[in-house]
Protein backbone atom coordinates (compact mmCIF):
# COMPACT_ATOMS: atom_id res chain seq x y z
CA MET A 1 -70.65 180.81 126.67
CA THR A 2 -69.88 178.13 128.90
CA LYS A 3 -66.80 177.39 130.72
CA PRO A 4 -64.50 174.48 130.19
CA PRO A 5 -65.03 171.65 132.65
CA SER A 6 -61.37 171.98 134.12
CA ILE A 7 -61.83 175.56 134.78
CA VAL A 8 -64.98 175.02 136.89
CA TRP A 9 -63.14 172.30 138.75
CA ARG A 10 -60.32 174.82 139.36
CA ILE A 11 -62.77 177.42 140.46
CA ALA A 12 -64.37 174.87 142.93
CA ALA A 13 -60.85 173.75 144.39
CA ALA A 14 -59.91 177.34 144.86
CA VAL A 15 -63.25 178.15 146.78
CA LEU A 16 -62.81 175.13 149.00
CA TRP A 17 -59.32 176.21 149.59
CA ILE A 18 -60.39 179.73 150.60
CA VAL A 19 -63.24 178.33 152.71
CA SER A 20 -60.93 176.18 154.40
CA ILE A 21 -58.61 178.88 155.45
CA VAL A 22 -61.62 180.85 156.67
CA CYS A 23 -62.51 177.80 158.96
CA LEU A 24 -59.16 177.29 160.31
CA PHE A 25 -58.77 180.93 161.21
CA LYS A 26 -62.23 180.80 162.80
CA ALA A 27 -60.97 177.71 164.94
CA ILE A 28 -57.93 179.78 165.99
CA GLY A 29 -60.06 182.63 167.06
CA GLU A 30 -62.34 180.39 168.97
CA ALA A 31 -59.48 178.78 170.72
CA VAL A 32 -57.84 181.98 171.69
CA THR A 33 -61.11 183.38 173.17
CA ALA A 34 -61.60 180.03 175.17
CA GLU A 35 -58.14 180.28 176.42
CA GLU A 36 -58.29 184.06 177.13
CA SER A 37 -61.32 183.12 179.20
CA LEU A 38 -59.38 180.82 181.36
CA ASN A 39 -57.07 183.32 182.84
CA ASN A 40 -59.91 185.06 184.48
CA PRO A 41 -59.83 184.26 188.28
CA TYR A 42 -63.52 184.84 188.78
CA LEU A 43 -64.88 181.91 186.73
CA THR A 44 -67.97 180.17 187.83
CA ALA A 45 -68.99 176.65 186.93
CA ALA A 46 -71.19 177.92 184.30
CA ASP A 47 -68.28 179.81 182.77
CA HIS A 48 -66.08 176.55 182.63
CA VAL A 49 -68.94 174.85 180.78
CA SER A 50 -69.07 177.58 178.33
CA ILE A 51 -65.28 177.79 177.95
CA GLN A 52 -65.34 173.86 177.23
CA HIS A 53 -68.37 174.60 174.52
CA GLU A 54 -66.04 177.11 172.78
CA SER A 55 -63.26 174.76 172.71
CA GLN A 56 -65.43 172.03 171.17
CA ILE A 57 -66.59 174.56 168.60
CA ALA A 58 -63.07 175.53 167.88
CA ASP A 59 -62.28 171.75 167.32
CA ARG A 60 -65.28 171.44 164.86
CA TRP A 61 -63.99 174.35 162.87
CA ALA A 62 -60.59 173.03 162.80
CA ILE A 63 -61.93 169.56 161.38
CA ILE A 64 -63.94 171.32 158.68
CA GLY A 65 -61.03 173.38 157.60
CA TRP A 66 -58.79 170.23 157.42
CA ILE A 67 -61.36 168.26 155.54
CA LEU A 68 -61.82 171.14 153.07
CA GLN A 69 -57.91 171.55 152.81
CA PHE A 70 -57.69 167.91 151.68
CA ALA A 71 -60.73 168.01 149.76
CA ALA A 72 -59.44 170.95 147.54
CA PRO A 73 -56.68 168.89 145.72
CA LEU A 74 -59.09 165.96 145.04
CA VAL A 75 -61.66 168.31 143.66
CA LEU A 76 -58.90 169.90 141.48
CA ALA A 77 -57.68 166.50 140.39
CA LEU A 78 -61.15 165.75 138.87
CA GLY A 79 -60.84 168.39 136.38
CA LEU A 80 -57.44 167.43 135.13
CA LYS A 81 -56.92 164.51 132.65
CA PHE A 82 -53.14 164.22 132.51
CA PRO A 83 -51.46 161.89 134.93
CA ARG A 84 -48.24 164.00 135.06
CA VAL A 85 -50.13 166.96 135.70
CA VAL A 86 -52.12 165.44 138.40
CA ARG A 87 -48.94 164.41 140.12
CA ARG A 88 -47.48 168.02 140.04
CA ILE A 89 -50.80 169.45 141.26
CA PHE A 90 -50.93 167.04 144.09
CA VAL A 91 -47.31 167.74 145.22
CA SER A 92 -47.71 171.49 144.80
CA LEU A 93 -50.91 171.44 146.84
CA GLY A 94 -49.28 168.97 149.48
CA VAL A 95 -46.46 171.47 149.83
CA LEU A 96 -49.11 174.37 149.97
CA ILE A 97 -51.18 172.63 152.54
CA ALA A 98 -48.03 171.68 154.54
CA ILE A 99 -46.93 175.32 154.74
CA ASP A 100 -50.44 176.65 155.32
CA GLY A 101 -50.79 174.10 158.28
CA ILE A 102 -47.29 175.07 159.94
CA THR A 103 -48.17 178.81 159.52
CA LEU A 104 -51.53 178.24 161.25
CA LEU A 105 -49.67 176.00 163.98
CA LEU A 106 -47.11 178.87 164.64
CA MET A 107 -49.99 181.33 164.76
CA ALA A 108 -51.67 179.33 167.43
CA VAL A 109 -48.45 178.85 169.40
CA ILE A 110 -47.72 182.49 169.35
CA VAL A 111 -51.15 183.73 170.24
CA HIS A 112 -51.34 181.06 172.83
């Protein structure tokens, strides 16, 4: 039994969204680790280079996460055929992405 194409697109969009959340949490974790390392008064020059590298890795995770956040509604729209439904989905996902982004930003600020 094969799945209808719209179900496949929905599953793909859900997977992209979940992976994006994982990437964004990974970015926050890397950034927190780098920030905590800066509080150590006994840092060497090599430690500063390592911390800068961790910050760059966190930035890359964040970029990947946000790209996937915006790719999820695009993938979902590919499986829909009705323009009205597409608009509703994009508005819903836009609100979800905004809420998700604000939540992650607040977590980063609180942890920082």
